[in-house]
Amino acid sequence: MQALSELAIYEGLLLAQQSGLDLKMFARAASGGCAQSWRLDELVDNVFNKGDRTYSLGMRPGRTGNALKMAEKLGVNLAGAQTAEQVFSRHNWRVEIDFDRDDIPGPG
């Protein structure tokens, strides 16, 4: 579940960045709507209230890998977890966002 939450935040910020939106304002607006989550609230709190300029989204490959192995044994398809694992593995399991530069690694 964490993998999908991290992926949703990453993709939302990537889309906002590519659309030319201010990432700080986008994150604040998203956390006040139906995209609200503990992780997104943490991001907004760190950036706005604590003044952090960077924020990291990441996954532990073992956790997602274990869930995928269990699902395979049970014959369950976890397409979302598979996608999150693919995306974050391309970035060494961590995506760092620099809000001063609106710097989010692209999908490749």
Protein backbone atom coordinates (compact mmCIF):
# COMPACT_ATOMS: atom_id res chain seq x y z
CA MET A 1 0.00 0.00 0.00
CA GLN A 2 2.91 2.32 0.74
CA ALA A 3 4.30 1.65 -2.74
CA LEU A 4 1.11 2.88 -4.39
CA SER A 5 0.90 5.93 -2.15
CA GLU A 6 4.50 6.90 -2.96
CA LEU A 7 3.89 6.29 -6.67
CA ALA A 8 0.73 8.43 -6.68
CA ILE A 9 2.53 11.36 -5.04
CA TYR A 10 5.49 11.02 -7.42
CA GLU A 11 3.29 10.89 -10.50
CA GLY A 12 1.10 13.77 -9.32
CA LEU A 13 4.14 15.97 -8.76
CA LEU A 14 5.67 14.89 -12.07
CA LEU A 15 2.47 15.80 -13.92
CA ALA A 16 2.22 19.13 -12.09
CA GLN A 17 5.85 19.92 -12.92
CA GLN A 18 5.45 19.04 -16.59
CA SER A 19 2.32 21.24 -16.67
CA GLY A 20 4.32 24.19 -15.36
CA LEU A 21 2.52 24.33 -12.00
CA ASP A 22 4.21 25.50 -8.82
CA LEU A 23 5.00 22.29 -6.95
CA LYS A 24 4.54 23.80 -3.51
CA MET A 25 1.09 25.11 -4.32
CA PHE A 26 0.14 21.87 -6.07
CA ALA A 27 1.21 19.77 -3.08
CA ARG A 28 -0.73 21.99 -0.69
CA ALA A 29 -3.86 21.86 -2.86
CA ALA A 30 -3.63 18.08 -3.32
CA SER A 31 -3.24 17.49 0.42
CA GLY A 32 -6.45 19.43 1.03
CA GLY A 33 -8.51 17.30 -1.36
CA CYS A 34 -9.27 13.68 -2.07
CA ALA A 35 -5.55 12.91 -2.64
CA GLN A 36 -4.87 13.61 1.04
CA SER A 37 -2.67 11.03 2.72
CA TRP A 38 -0.33 10.85 5.67
CA ARG A 39 2.70 10.89 3.35
CA LEU A 40 1.46 13.90 1.36
CA ASP A 41 0.65 15.75 4.60
CA GLU A 42 4.20 15.01 5.78
CA LEU A 43 5.61 16.43 2.53
CA VAL A 44 3.54 19.61 2.84
CA ASP A 45 4.44 20.02 6.52
CA ASN A 46 8.16 19.61 5.83
CA VAL A 47 8.18 21.98 2.86
CA PHE A 48 5.86 24.70 4.19
CA ASN A 49 6.17 24.58 7.97
CA LYS A 50 9.74 23.38 8.43
CA GLY A 51 11.18 25.12 5.37
CA ASP A 52 12.78 22.04 3.84
CA ARG A 53 13.76 22.55 0.21
CA THR A 54 14.04 18.89 -0.68
CA TYR A 55 11.87 15.89 0.03
CA SER A 56 12.45 12.22 -0.69
CA LEU A 57 9.95 9.62 -1.76
CA GLY A 58 11.18 6.08 -1.61
CA MET A 59 10.50 2.43 -1.15
CA ARG A 60 12.31 -0.49 0.38
CA PRO A 61 12.64 -3.04 -2.40
CA GLY A 62 12.35 -5.98 -0.01
CA ARG A 63 8.91 -5.01 1.26
CA THR A 64 7.37 -4.68 -2.17
CA GLY A 65 9.29 -7.71 -3.41
CA ASN A 66 7.97 -9.82 -0.54
CA ALA A 67 4.40 -8.76 -1.26
CA LEU A 68 4.86 -9.59 -4.93
CA LYS A 69 6.29 -13.02 -4.11
CA MET A 70 3.37 -13.75 -1.81
CA ALA A 71 0.89 -12.61 -4.44
CA GLU A 72 2.53 -14.81 -7.06
CA LYS A 73 2.27 -17.86 -4.76
CA LEU A 74 -1.41 -17.09 -4.23
CA GLY A 75 -2.09 -16.42 -7.91
CA VAL A 76 -2.94 -12.77 -7.27
CA ASN A 77 -1.96 -10.02 -9.71
CA LEU A 78 -0.72 -6.85 -7.98
CA ALA A 79 -0.30 -4.63 -11.04
CA GLY A 80 0.02 -1.45 -8.98
CA ALA A 81 2.77 -2.85 -6.77
CA GLN A 82 4.58 -4.18 -9.85
CA THR A 83 4.44 -0.76 -11.47
CA ALA A 84 5.63 1.02 -8.33
CA GLU A 85 8.53 -1.42 -8.02
CA GLN A 86 9.53 -0.82 -11.67
CA VAL A 87 9.37 2.98 -11.35
CA PHE A 88 11.27 3.24 -8.08
CA SER A 89 13.86 0.62 -9.04
CA ARG A 90 14.81 2.86 -12.01
CA HIS A 91 15.65 5.59 -9.49
CA ASN A 92 17.53 3.40 -6.98
CA TRP A 93 14.40 3.21 -4.81
CA ARG A 94 14.40 6.95 -4.01
CA VAL A 95 13.16 10.07 -5.76
CA GLU A 96 14.39 13.36 -4.33
CA ILE A 97 12.35 16.44 -5.14
CA ASP A 98 14.02 19.84 -5.00
CA PHE A 99 11.20 22.35 -4.54
CA ASP A 100 13.46 25.30 -5.30
CA ARG A 101 14.24 23.90 -8.73
CA ASP A 102 11.02 21.95 -9.33
CA ASP A 103 13.33 19.04 -9.98
CA ILE A 104 11.67 15.65 -10.26
CA PRO A 105 13.29 12.84 -12.21
CA GLY A 106 11.35 12.02 -15.34
CA PRO A 107 9.71 8.70 -16.12
CA GLY A 108 12.72 7.23 -17.94
